[in-house]
Protein backbone atom coordinates (compact mmCIF):
# COMPACT_ATOMS: atom_id res chain seq x y z
CA UNK A 1 -74.37 -101.29 -48.42
CA UNK A 2 -74.02 -102.93 -44.96
CA UNK A 3 -71.58 -105.34 -46.22
CA UNK A 4 -69.49 -102.75 -47.45
CA UNK A 5 -69.60 -100.78 -44.13
CA UNK A 6 -68.79 -103.66 -42.05
CA UNK A 7 -65.91 -104.27 -44.31
CA UNK A 8 -64.71 -100.52 -43.76
CA UNK A 9 -65.09 -101.09 -40.01
CA UNK A 10 -62.95 -104.12 -40.09
CA UNK A 11 -60.37 -102.24 -42.01
CA UNK A 12 -60.29 -99.44 -39.53
CA UNK A 13 -60.15 -101.75 -36.72
CA UNK A 14 -56.88 -103.16 -37.79
CA UNK A 15 -54.70 -100.33 -37.44
CA UNK A 16 -55.91 -99.31 -34.29
CA UNK A 17 -54.80 -102.84 -32.69
CA UNK A 18 -51.24 -102.61 -34.28
CA UNK A 19 -50.95 -99.13 -32.64
CA UNK A 20 -51.74 -100.63 -29.20
CA UNK A 21 -49.32 -103.42 -29.20
CA UNK A 22 -46.63 -100.90 -30.40
CA UNK A 23 -47.43 -98.74 -27.45
CA UNK A 24 -47.05 -101.08 -24.98
CA UNK A 25 -43.90 -102.72 -26.69
CA UNK A 26 -42.37 -98.96 -26.01
CA UNK A 27 -43.53 -98.99 -22.41
CA UNK A 28 -42.15 -101.98 -21.57
CA UNK A 29 -38.87 -100.93 -23.19
CA UNK A 30 -38.98 -97.98 -21.09
CA UNK A 31 -39.56 -99.78 -18.19
CA UNK A 32 -36.66 -102.24 -18.59
CA UNK A 33 -34.62 -99.15 -19.36
CA UNK A 34 -35.77 -97.57 -16.07
CA UNK A 35 -35.25 -100.76 -13.94
CA UNK A 36 -32.01 -101.10 -15.31
CA UNK A 37 -30.94 -97.71 -14.48
CA UNK A 38 -32.53 -98.34 -10.93
CA UNK A 39 -30.77 -101.50 -10.34
CA UNK A 40 -27.33 -99.85 -11.42
CA UNK A 41 -28.54 -97.05 -9.06
CA UNK A 42 -29.41 -99.34 -6.09
CA UNK A 43 -25.87 -101.16 -6.99
CA UNK A 44 -23.90 -98.17 -6.94
CA UNK A 45 -25.60 -97.15 -3.50
CA UNK A 46 -24.93 -100.57 -2.15
CA UNK A 47 -21.42 -100.51 -3.29
CA UNK A 48 -20.95 -96.94 -1.71
CA UNK A 49 -22.41 -97.81 1.45
CA UNK A 50 -20.55 -100.88 1.66
CA UNK A 51 -17.29 -98.89 1.04
CA UNK A 52 -18.15 -96.19 3.23
CA UNK A 53 -18.93 -98.98 6.16
CA UNK A 54 -15.42 -100.28 5.56
CA UNK A 55 -13.91 -96.93 5.47
CA UNK A 56 -15.69 -96.14 8.86
CA UNK A 57 -14.24 -99.22 10.26
CA UNK A 58 -10.63 -98.47 9.20
CA UNK A 59 -11.23 -95.38 10.37
CA UNK A 60 -12.25 -96.44 13.80
CA UNK A 61 -9.42 -98.70 13.77
CA UNK A 62 -6.86 -96.15 13.25
CA UNK A 63 -8.78 -94.24 16.19
CA UNK A 64 -8.40 -97.08 18.60
CA UNK A 65 -4.78 -97.85 17.85
CA UNK A 66 -4.04 -94.20 18.31
CA UNK A 67 -5.62 -94.18 21.57
CA UNK A 68 -4.11 -97.27 22.51
CA UNK A 69 -0.67 -95.81 21.65
CA UNK A 70 -1.38 -92.70 23.23
CA UNK A 71 -2.69 -93.89 26.54
CA UNK A 72 1.10 -94.70 27.59
CA UNK A 73 1.47 -91.42 27.92
CA UNK A 74 -1.11 -90.70 30.58
CA UNK A 75 -0.87 -90.10 34.24
CA UNK A 76 2.03 -88.38 36.35
CA UNK A 77 5.48 -87.74 34.45
CA UNK A 78 3.77 -88.00 31.07
CA UNK A 79 4.00 -85.56 27.97
CA UNK A 80 1.21 -84.36 26.10
CA UNK A 81 3.53 -83.65 23.31
CA UNK A 82 4.79 -87.48 23.34
CA UNK A 83 1.07 -88.60 23.52
CA UNK A 84 0.15 -86.53 20.60
CA UNK A 85 3.13 -87.71 18.56
CA UNK A 86 2.67 -91.47 19.44
CA UNK A 87 -1.25 -90.96 18.43
CA UNK A 88 -0.10 -89.14 15.17
CA UNK A 89 2.49 -91.83 14.21
CA UNK A 90 -0.11 -94.61 14.76
CA UNK A 91 -2.78 -92.68 12.51
CA UNK A 92 -0.29 -92.29 9.75
CA UNK A 93 0.61 -96.10 9.75
CA UNK A 94 -3.22 -96.61 9.34
CA UNK A 95 -3.54 -94.04 6.51
CA UNK A 96 -5.12 -91.11 8.19
CA UNK A 97 -3.99 -87.71 7.85
CA UNK A 98 -2.13 -87.15 11.19
CA UNK A 99 -2.99 -83.31 10.90
CA UNK A 100 -6.81 -84.62 11.86
CA UNK A 101 -5.65 -86.25 15.15
CA UNK A 102 -6.55 -84.49 18.21
CA UNK A 103 -6.66 -85.88 21.67
CA UNK A 104 -8.13 -85.05 25.13
CA UNK A 105 -7.45 -86.65 28.55
CA UNK A 106 -9.58 -87.81 31.45
CA UNK A 107 -10.47 -90.31 34.05
CA UNK A 108 -13.00 -93.03 34.08
CA UNK A 109 -15.87 -92.28 36.32
CA UNK A 110 -19.87 -93.79 36.56
CA UNK A 111 -22.89 -92.13 36.29
CA UNK A 112 -25.94 -92.67 38.64
CA UNK A 113 -27.06 -95.69 36.23
CA UNK A 114 -23.19 -96.98 36.77
CA UNK A 115 -22.23 -96.55 33.24
CA UNK A 116 -18.72 -95.73 32.35
CA UNK A 117 -18.24 -91.90 31.85
CA UNK A 118 -15.37 -90.07 30.20
CA UNK A 119 -14.51 -87.24 32.49
CA UNK A 120 -11.96 -84.68 31.33
CA UNK A 121 -8.93 -84.46 33.41
CA UNK A 122 -5.28 -82.93 33.26
CA UNK A 123 -2.77 -85.16 31.72
CA UNK A 124 -0.90 -85.81 35.22
CA UNK A 125 -4.06 -86.91 36.86
CA UNK A 126 -5.44 -89.01 33.58
CA UNK A 127 -5.39 -92.52 32.60
CA UNK A 128 -7.70 -92.24 29.89
CA UNK A 129 -7.18 -90.92 26.66
CA UNK A 130 -9.64 -90.00 23.86
CA UNK A 131 -8.19 -89.34 20.21
CA UNK A 132 -10.62 -88.21 17.71
CA UNK A 133 -9.63 -88.41 13.67
CA UNK A 134 -10.91 -88.16 10.34
CA UNK A 135 -10.33 -89.07 6.58
CA UNK A 136 -11.71 -87.60 3.67
CA UNK A 137 -13.31 -90.02 1.13
CA UNK A 138 -15.20 -89.72 -2.14
CA UNK A 139 -19.31 -89.63 -1.62
CA UNK A 140 -19.67 -91.96 -4.58
CA UNK A 141 -17.05 -93.87 -6.69
CA UNK A 142 -20.05 -94.72 -9.05
CA UNK A 143 -22.27 -91.67 -9.27
CA UNK A 144 -19.51 -88.95 -8.76
CA UNK A 145 -21.00 -87.09 -11.81
CA UNK A 146 -24.09 -86.28 -10.02
CA UNK A 147 -23.81 -82.78 -8.51
CA UNK A 148 -25.23 -84.13 -5.44
CA UNK A 149 -22.79 -86.76 -5.12
CA UNK A 150 -19.78 -85.32 -6.11
CA UNK A 151 -16.88 -84.23 -3.84
CA UNK A 152 -16.01 -86.21 -0.51
CA UNK A 153 -17.28 -86.39 3.11
CA UNK A 154 -15.22 -86.64 6.47
CA UNK A 155 -15.44 -90.13 7.81
CA UNK A 156 -14.65 -89.55 11.42
CA UNK A 157 -13.42 -91.98 14.57
CA UNK A 158 -13.10 -91.78 18.27
CA UNK A 159 -11.12 -94.04 20.40
CA UNK A 160 -10.69 -93.95 24.11
CA UNK A 161 -8.03 -96.21 25.45
CA UNK A 162 -6.71 -96.77 29.68
CA UNK A 163 -3.30 -97.02 30.04
CA UNK A 164 -0.29 -95.62 31.51
CA UNK A 165 3.63 -95.79 31.67
CA UNK A 166 5.66 -98.94 33.24
CA UNK A 167 5.11 -99.17 36.72
CA UNK A 168 7.90 -100.34 39.73
CA UNK A 169 7.26 -101.75 42.94
CA UNK A 170 10.00 -100.48 45.42
CA UNK A 171 11.02 -100.21 48.85
CA UNK A 172 13.69 -98.33 50.86
CA UNK A 173 15.20 -100.03 53.80
CA UNK A 174 13.71 -103.21 52.72
CA UNK A 175 15.51 -106.28 54.88
CA UNK A 176 16.93 -108.93 52.44
CA UNK A 177 19.25 -111.80 53.06
CA UNK A 178 18.41 -111.61 56.59
CA UNK A 179 21.27 -112.41 59.22
CA UNK A 180 21.17 -114.26 62.25
CA UNK A 181 21.51 -110.81 64.23
CA UNK A 182 18.99 -109.08 62.18
CA UNK A 183 16.62 -112.09 62.98
CA UNK A 184 17.14 -111.63 66.57
CA UNK A 185 16.26 -107.82 66.30
CA UNK A 186 13.46 -108.36 64.12
CA UNK A 187 12.02 -111.22 66.60
CA UNK A 188 12.59 -108.38 69.75
CA UNK A 189 10.78 -105.90 67.34
CA UNK A 190 7.74 -108.25 67.06
CA UNK A 191 7.88 -109.04 70.84
CA UNK A 192 7.86 -105.14 71.47
CA UNK A 193 4.62 -104.55 69.34
CA UNK A 194 2.36 -107.75 69.43
CA UNK A 195 3.74 -108.90 73.21
CA UNK A 196 5.82 -111.58 74.78
CA UNK A 197 3.53 -114.40 72.83
CA UNK A 198 5.09 -113.06 69.63
CA UNK A 199 7.30 -115.89 67.88
CA UNK A 200 11.13 -116.03 67.63
CA UNK A 201 11.67 -116.09 63.92
CA UNK A 202 14.80 -117.30 62.57
CA UNK A 203 16.55 -116.24 59.23
CA UNK A 204 14.87 -118.94 57.28
CA UNK A 205 11.52 -118.08 58.44
CA UNK A 206 11.92 -114.62 57.63
CA UNK A 207 13.61 -115.06 54.42
CA UNK A 208 10.17 -116.89 53.74
CA UNK A 209 8.25 -114.10 54.43
CA UNK A 210 10.61 -111.73 52.35
CA UNK A 211 10.35 -114.39 49.15
CA UNK A 212 6.59 -114.43 49.50
CA UNK A 213 4.39 -111.85 47.44
CA UNK A 214 1.08 -111.19 46.91
CA UNK A 215 -0.33 -108.56 44.01
CA UNK A 216 -1.96 -104.99 44.88
CA UNK A 217 -5.14 -106.31 42.67
CA UNK A 218 -5.46 -109.70 44.67
CA UNK A 219 -5.28 -107.71 48.13
CA UNK A 220 -7.81 -105.16 46.68
CA UNK A 221 -10.42 -108.09 45.71
CA UNK A 222 -9.88 -110.09 48.63
CA UNK A 223 -10.92 -106.81 50.78
CA UNK A 224 -13.65 -106.50 48.59
CA UNK A 225 -13.03 -103.13 47.55
CA UNK A 226 -14.50 -101.70 44.37
CA UNK A 227 -11.90 -99.18 43.39
CA UNK A 228 -8.39 -98.94 44.37
CA UNK A 229 -8.91 -95.58 46.01
CA UNK A 230 -11.63 -97.44 48.39
CA UNK A 231 -8.94 -100.15 49.24
CA UNK A 232 -6.57 -97.18 50.24
CA UNK A 233 -9.11 -95.80 52.53
CA UNK A 234 -10.22 -99.07 54.14
CA UNK A 235 -9.35 -98.84 58.14
CA UNK A 236 -9.12 -102.42 59.50
CA UNK A 237 -7.11 -104.11 62.39
CA UNK A 238 -3.94 -105.51 61.71
CA UNK A 239 -5.28 -109.06 61.99
CA UNK A 240 -8.34 -108.13 59.29
CA UNK A 241 -5.14 -107.21 57.03
CA UNK A 242 -3.35 -110.50 57.60
CA UNK A 243 -6.74 -112.21 56.40
CA UNK A 244 -6.78 -110.34 53.20
CA UNK A 245 -3.02 -111.26 52.73
CA UNK A 246 -4.13 -114.89 53.16
CA UNK A 247 -6.77 -114.72 50.75
CA UNK A 248 -4.55 -112.85 48.09
CA UNK A 249 -1.83 -115.56 48.48
CA UNK A 250 -3.25 -118.78 49.97
CA UNK A 251 0.39 -120.05 49.86
CA UNK A 252 1.50 -118.03 52.80
CA UNK A 253 -0.86 -120.30 54.95
CA UNK A 254 1.67 -122.91 54.85
CA UNK A 255 4.41 -120.56 55.91
CA UNK A 256 4.99 -121.46 60.00
CA UNK A 257 6.41 -117.62 60.39
CA UNK A 258 3.22 -116.12 58.65
CA UNK A 259 0.84 -118.35 60.96
CA UNK A 260 2.72 -117.49 64.28
CA UNK A 261 2.25 -114.12 63.79
CA UNK A 262 -1.26 -114.41 62.45
CA UNK A 263 -2.16 -116.48 65.56
CA UNK A 264 -0.86 -113.65 67.87
CA UNK A 265 -2.32 -110.70 66.12
CA UNK A 266 -5.66 -112.23 66.55
CA UNK A 267 -5.20 -111.04 70.26
CA UNK A 268 -4.17 -107.38 69.30
CA UNK A 269 -6.10 -104.48 68.84
CA UNK A 270 -3.94 -102.52 66.32
CA UNK A 271 -5.70 -100.78 63.74
CA UNK A 272 -4.21 -99.17 60.27
CA UNK A 273 -5.37 -97.39 57.20
CA UNK A 274 -4.14 -99.00 54.14
CA UNK A 275 -2.91 -95.73 52.64
CA UNK A 276 -0.47 -95.44 55.38
CA UNK A 277 1.33 -98.31 53.90
CA UNK A 278 1.21 -97.94 50.34
CA UNK A 279 2.02 -94.76 48.04
CA UNK A 280 0.40 -95.44 44.99
CA UNK A 281 -0.19 -92.83 41.84
CA UNK A 282 -3.79 -91.41 41.52
CA UNK A 283 -5.20 -92.62 39.06
CA UNK A 284 -3.49 -95.61 38.71
CA UNK A 285 -2.04 -96.82 35.82
CA UNK A 286 -2.96 -100.05 33.94
CA UNK A 287 -0.19 -102.34 35.41
CA UNK A 288 -0.59 -101.29 39.25
CA UNK A 289 -2.91 -104.09 40.06
CA UNK A 290 -0.82 -106.66 38.78
CA UNK A 291 2.38 -105.12 40.97
CA UNK A 292 3.84 -107.68 43.37
CA UNK A 293 4.41 -106.64 46.88
CA UNK A 294 6.57 -108.38 49.44
CA UNK A 295 4.68 -109.89 52.40
CA UNK A 296 7.53 -109.15 54.82
CA UNK A 297 7.50 -105.41 53.60
CA UNK A 298 3.62 -105.83 54.25
CA UNK A 299 4.00 -107.28 57.67
CA UNK A 300 6.77 -104.78 58.93
CA UNK A 301 4.73 -101.79 57.66
CA UNK A 302 1.54 -102.89 59.03
CA UNK A 303 2.93 -103.51 62.91
CA UNK A 304 4.86 -100.24 62.19
CA UNK A 305 1.60 -98.31 61.89
CA UNK A 306 -0.60 -100.40 64.40
CA UNK A 307 2.20 -99.25 66.62
CA UNK A 308 1.87 -95.83 65.45
CA UNK A 309 -1.44 -95.40 65.74
CA UNK A 310 -1.35 -96.60 69.46
CA UNK A 311 0.86 -94.16 70.36
CA UNK A 312 4.22 -95.36 68.35
CA UNK A 313 6.03 -95.99 71.54
CA UNK A 314 7.25 -99.60 71.58
CA UNK A 315 9.37 -101.10 74.67
CA UNK A 316 12.37 -103.38 73.24
CA UNK A 317 15.14 -105.37 74.55
CA UNK A 318 18.55 -104.98 72.94
CA UNK A 319 19.68 -108.12 75.22
CA UNK A 320 22.97 -106.28 75.90
CA UNK A 321 23.82 -106.36 79.78
CA UNK A 322 24.67 -102.45 79.94
CA UNK A 323 21.57 -101.55 78.51
CA UNK A 324 18.59 -100.72 80.71
CA UNK A 325 14.86 -99.50 79.02
CA UNK A 326 14.71 -98.93 75.83
CA UNK A 327 11.80 -97.50 73.69
CA UNK A 328 10.97 -96.65 70.25
CA UNK A 329 8.65 -93.75 69.00
CA UNK A 330 7.57 -94.36 65.53
CA UNK A 331 7.05 -90.86 63.68
CA UNK A 332 6.18 -92.59 60.52
CA UNK A 333 5.80 -95.75 59.12
CA UNK A 334 7.89 -97.30 56.07
CA UNK A 335 5.98 -96.69 52.58
CA UNK A 336 6.26 -99.19 49.93
CA UNK A 337 5.79 -97.36 46.46
CA UNK A 338 4.04 -98.30 43.22
CA UNK A 339 4.29 -96.13 40.45
CA UNK A 340 5.95 -94.67 37.25
CA UNK A 341 9.05 -92.76 36.93
CA UNK A 342 9.71 -88.84 36.73
CA UNK A 343 8.39 -85.86 38.18
CA UNK A 344 4.73 -84.33 37.37
CA UNK A 345 4.28 -80.57 35.98
CA UNK A 346 4.87 -79.15 39.15
CA UNK A 347 7.95 -80.92 39.93
CA UNK A 348 7.09 -83.24 42.12
CA UNK A 349 8.07 -86.74 42.15
CA UNK A 350 5.48 -89.21 40.80
CA UNK A 351 6.30 -92.65 43.61
CA UNK A 352 8.12 -92.16 46.46
CA UNK A 353 8.80 -94.94 48.92
CA UNK A 354 10.36 -94.00 52.34
CA UNK A 355 12.05 -95.99 55.33
CA UNK A 356 10.73 -95.48 58.74
CA UNK A 357 10.79 -92.79 60.70
CA UNK A 358 11.53 -92.79 64.57
CA UNK A 359 13.06 -92.10 67.86
CA UNK A 360 15.06 -94.34 69.86
CA UNK A 361 15.52 -93.70 73.49
CA UNK A 362 17.57 -95.96 75.80
CA UNK A 363 19.06 -95.74 79.07
CA UNK A 364 23.15 -97.39 79.84
CA UNK A 365 23.40 -98.93 82.82
CA UNK A 366 26.92 -100.51 82.88
CA UNK A 367 27.83 -102.60 85.60
CA UNK A 368 24.61 -104.36 86.09
CA UNK A 369 24.73 -107.62 87.81
CA UNK A 370 21.54 -109.71 86.72
CA UNK A 371 18.76 -107.11 87.75
CA UNK A 372 20.90 -105.41 90.32
CA UNK A 373 21.97 -101.76 89.29
CA UNK A 374 24.79 -100.68 91.46
CA UNK A 375 24.03 -97.07 90.27
CA UNK A 376 27.52 -96.14 89.15
CA UNK A 377 26.39 -94.42 85.93
CA UNK A 378 23.45 -92.23 84.81
CA UNK A 379 23.72 -92.39 80.93
CA UNK A 380 21.03 -92.09 77.97
CA UNK A 381 21.20 -92.30 74.62
CA UNK A 382 18.46 -90.47 72.34
CA UNK A 383 18.60 -91.13 68.56
CA UNK A 384 16.26 -89.59 65.98
CA UNK A 385 16.32 -90.75 62.44
CA UNK A 386 14.16 -88.87 59.99
CA UNK A 387 13.99 -91.51 57.31
CA UNK A 388 15.40 -92.45 53.78
CA UNK A 389 13.34 -91.53 50.52
CA UNK A 390 13.69 -92.86 47.40
CA UNK A 391 12.04 -91.97 44.17
CA UNK A 392 11.77 -93.55 40.65
CA UNK A 393 13.79 -91.70 38.54
CA UNK A 394 13.57 -93.11 35.45
CA UNK A 395 12.27 -96.75 34.14
CA UNK A 396 12.90 -98.35 30.45
CA UNK A 397 11.15 -101.90 29.66
CA UNK A 398 12.60 -103.25 26.46
CA UNK A 399 12.69 -106.93 25.40
CA UNK A 400 15.83 -108.78 27.42
CA UNK A 401 16.20 -105.12 29.00
CA UNK A 402 14.88 -103.75 32.24
CA UNK A 403 16.36 -100.88 33.59
CA UNK A 404 15.95 -97.58 35.52
CA UNK A 405 17.12 -95.59 38.38
CA UNK A 406 16.36 -94.32 41.91
CA UNK A 407 17.32 -91.32 43.44
CA UNK A 408 17.33 -91.52 47.33
CA UNK A 409 18.65 -89.24 50.12
CA UNK A 410 18.84 -89.51 54.01
CA UNK A 411 17.20 -86.86 56.00
CA UNK A 412 18.24 -85.62 59.37
CA UNK A 413 20.07 -87.70 62.40
CA UNK A 414 20.63 -86.66 65.55
CA UNK A 415 22.14 -88.53 68.23
CA UNK A 416 22.86 -87.66 71.91
CA UNK A 417 24.33 -89.12 74.69
CA UNK A 418 22.97 -87.51 77.85
CA UNK A 419 21.88 -88.14 81.40
CA UNK A 420 18.68 -89.76 81.80
CA UNK A 421 16.54 -86.99 82.93
CA UNK A 422 17.11 -85.09 79.38
CA UNK A 423 16.52 -87.94 77.03
CA UNK A 424 13.09 -86.53 76.22
CA UNK A 425 13.80 -82.70 75.54
CA UNK A 426 13.76 -80.82 72.29
CA UNK A 427 16.53 -82.67 70.38
CA UNK A 428 17.22 -79.75 68.09
CA UNK A 429 18.62 -77.63 70.90
CA UNK A 430 22.03 -78.74 72.46
CA UNK A 431 21.54 -76.56 75.46
CA UNK A 432 19.07 -78.93 76.62
CA UNK A 433 21.50 -81.90 77.39
CA UNK A 434 23.92 -82.28 80.14
CA UNK A 435 26.70 -84.71 80.25
CA UNK A 436 25.66 -88.15 81.81
CA UNK A 437 28.07 -89.18 84.44
CA UNK A 438 29.96 -92.72 84.93
CA UNK A 439 31.69 -93.63 88.08
CA UNK A 440 29.32 -92.23 90.47
CA UNK A 441 29.50 -88.93 88.60
CA UNK A 442 33.45 -88.57 88.66
CA UNK A 443 33.52 -88.76 85.00
CA UNK A 444 30.80 -86.63 82.64
CA UNK A 445 30.41 -87.65 78.91
CA UNK A 446 28.01 -85.87 76.49
CA UNK A 447 27.82 -86.61 72.69
CA UNK A 448 25.98 -84.57 70.59
CA UNK A 449 25.72 -85.36 66.99
CA UNK A 450 23.91 -83.49 64.36
CA UNK A 451 23.81 -84.68 60.55
CA UNK A 452 21.55 -82.68 57.99
CA UNK A 453 20.48 -84.02 54.64
CA UNK A 454 23.02 -86.00 53.22
CA UNK A 455 23.50 -85.55 49.20
CA UNK A 456 21.12 -87.29 47.01
CA UNK A 457 22.43 -90.33 45.48
CA UNK A 458 21.54 -91.88 42.18
CA UNK A 459 21.61 -95.47 42.02
CA UNK A 460 20.84 -97.82 38.73
CA UNK A 461 19.47 -101.21 38.37
CA UNK A 462 19.13 -103.55 35.27
CA UNK A 463 17.80 -106.96 34.95
CA UNK A 464 17.26 -109.06 31.61
CA UNK A 465 13.76 -110.13 32.71
CA UNK A 466 11.62 -109.84 35.12
CA UNK A 467 12.42 -113.28 36.43
CA UNK A 468 15.49 -111.84 38.06
CA UNK A 469 13.43 -109.59 40.48
CA UNK A 470 13.79 -108.69 43.33
CA UNK A 471 16.83 -106.29 42.51
CA UNK A 472 18.47 -104.89 45.80
CA UNK A 473 21.01 -102.54 45.91
CA UNK A 474 23.16 -100.89 48.46
CA UNK A 475 22.86 -97.28 48.63
CA UNK A 476 25.23 -94.92 50.33
CA UNK A 477 23.68 -92.25 52.70
CA UNK A 478 26.22 -89.59 52.42
CA UNK A 479 27.75 -88.53 55.55
CA UNK A 480 25.66 -90.45 57.89
CA UNK A 481 28.30 -93.17 58.29
CA UNK A 482 28.48 -96.95 58.68
CA UNK A 483 26.93 -97.32 61.99
CA UNK A 484 26.16 -95.16 64.82
CA UNK A 485 29.62 -96.24 66.63
CA UNK A 486 30.94 -95.22 63.29
CA UNK A 487 29.40 -91.52 63.58
CA UNK A 488 32.16 -90.10 65.91
CA UNK A 489 33.88 -87.60 64.45
CA UNK A 490 31.67 -86.15 61.97
CA UNK A 491 30.98 -82.83 63.47
CA UNK A 492 30.49 -84.29 66.78
CA UNK A 493 30.46 -81.94 69.69
CA UNK A 494 31.95 -83.72 72.92
CA UNK A 495 31.96 -82.86 76.34
CA UNK A 496 34.06 -84.83 78.82
CA UNK A 497 34.91 -83.82 82.13
CA UNK A 498 36.46 -85.80 85.30
CA UNK A 499 36.57 -85.09 88.93
CA UNK A 500 32.97 -84.19 89.25
CA UNK A 501 33.13 -81.69 86.32
CA UNK A 502 36.36 -79.76 87.71
CA UNK A 503 38.67 -80.85 84.89
CA UNK A 504 38.01 -81.22 81.24
CA UNK A 505 40.18 -83.63 79.18
CA UNK A 506 40.98 -83.72 75.61
CA UNK A 507 38.90 -86.53 73.61
CA UNK A 508 41.86 -88.20 72.82
CA UNK A 509 42.47 -89.58 76.11
CA UNK A 510 38.99 -91.14 76.41
CA UNK A 511 38.81 -92.77 73.03
CA UNK A 512 38.77 -96.09 74.28
CA UNK A 513 36.41 -95.49 77.12
CA UNK A 514 33.78 -94.03 74.68
CA UNK A 515 34.06 -96.71 72.18
CA UNK A 516 33.57 -99.18 74.81
CA UNK A 517 30.08 -97.56 74.90
CA UNK A 518 29.06 -96.62 71.54
CA UNK A 519 30.29 -99.06 69.10
CA UNK A 520 28.69 -102.25 70.91
CA UNK A 521 25.71 -100.09 71.22
CA UNK A 522 25.76 -98.71 67.54
CA UNK A 523 26.34 -102.19 66.20
CA UNK A 524 23.38 -103.21 68.07
CA UNK A 525 21.11 -100.57 67.25
CA UNK A 526 22.14 -100.90 63.84
CA UNK A 527 20.11 -104.40 63.81
CA UNK A 528 17.28 -102.86 65.53
CA UNK A 529 17.07 -100.11 63.25
CA UNK A 530 17.24 -102.50 60.18
CA UNK A 531 13.97 -104.14 61.46
CA UNK A 532 12.11 -101.15 61.15
CA UNK A 533 13.39 -100.34 57.63
CA UNK A 534 15.70 -97.89 58.78
CA UNK A 535 19.45 -98.18 58.27
CA UNK A 536 22.08 -95.30 59.77
CA UNK A 537 24.92 -95.71 57.31
CA UNK A 538 23.29 -97.34 53.83
CA UNK A 539 20.02 -98.55 52.82
CA UNK A 540 18.84 -101.20 50.65
CA UNK A 541 16.63 -100.36 47.83
CA UNK A 542 14.81 -103.23 46.43
CA UNK A 543 12.94 -103.00 43.17
CA UNK A 544 10.32 -106.04 43.81
CA UNK A 545 8.66 -105.86 40.38
CA UNK A 546 7.81 -103.97 37.10
CA UNK A 547 5.04 -104.02 35.15
CA UNK A 548 3.91 -103.21 31.81
CA UNK A 549 0.09 -104.35 31.17
CA UNK A 550 -0.90 -103.37 28.03
CA UNK A 551 -3.74 -100.70 27.55
CA UNK A 552 -7.22 -101.33 27.52
CA UNK A 553 -9.89 -99.85 24.97
CA UNK A 554 -12.72 -98.35 26.71
CA UNK A 555 -16.36 -97.46 25.22
């Protein structure tokens, strides 16, 4: 019986081993299928992940490009509609629905850790734009049949860029192409401000200063100012300001004219604030730092400001035998403008240049013999000029064509020929002035010439490229006239008496006498006023530079 039982046992054991093997083979097959499915799933996830990463990168690029395009339309004179349109156009070019585009304007500030922070601001005071947009994409391309993976998601992008419109550097009343007479008067001006040790500069020396330029960014860096606003608020002596010019453009150290003025300024206590000289849009557009400024304009303005801050009175010698003492009171210095075109939402101009505002007083002593005054006359001249202002009206920068226009206006001018005792009285009231006298009082003469604001004048400029700057245009000044001597007859109130005031004569009989005094004096004063950036009949508008620096992405 035992063998029989062993046989059954062996027979019973065989089927069991086959079953286990079959089970193992089934398990392996299932695991293989599961592994394959997992591999397919991971591959799909990898593919979708890569696809979504590429989508996000594409959308982010679209946001960056849209921000760069929109950043051109920030700052004064900018239009939110133009900025949004530029952003939408760029988004569409990158395959993003323009309807998803939104924009915000702001400025770049720093937090306590000095990290850059986007701070919202109105478009007129902004130089940053933030563009947000999105694109709908499928959640999964390979597993879209899964209920959880079906449908789409929004892939968003945000771009921030700093930019602004093209900007121009321009000044009104700039001296350009200096004549021998103008050089003489400018040298007299410098002597009046810096003392008799100031150099007598000829036309060649002064034109070297006119041609030399520095960039605003280099000046700011030379002064060690971290921001442009800090630079504009800096107070310094004229000598320190000249130091910064030399650091910004070391080539000026090779100019004898600059070094002579610099050495004379060493002994001067004249002080200035940079913002008294430069009118710059705030916050600045991207091209402002590269804007070029004439060294001559900077010198002239800084000396005017320094004199103004010390009381504004300069004693000047016109070099004419019949003129005695002469003083100039600077009411406001010339201002160089760097900024964009147009007006802001309040209707104010985005940038403004101005010639000097001043009052000139001179005693007239005909018949002088050397230093001897026979006392045959008591005459004094008073001229108040309140300035010419220029505004950048339009500016277009295209390949091969840089063009624009500036609106200018000459403001109130008043001229009085009177007696010396009345020269400091309120010039707006004609009754304050009595006739000056000639021939020991036998002849009396008073001229009162009030001229109001001249009409606005629009002047265009155009060059093919930046190498053609500076662009200089002569601006008419409306009713102001071509010179002080030529102002007679334009609303002038003239009083002439003879025989100690007993007889009044028609002006026609004394035209020649008046012109003997007024025409030479007017011609001399024209040169002196031009040295201050003031021209009575017309002004020179100088567009020195135009900048279109590309906008910059900010994180």
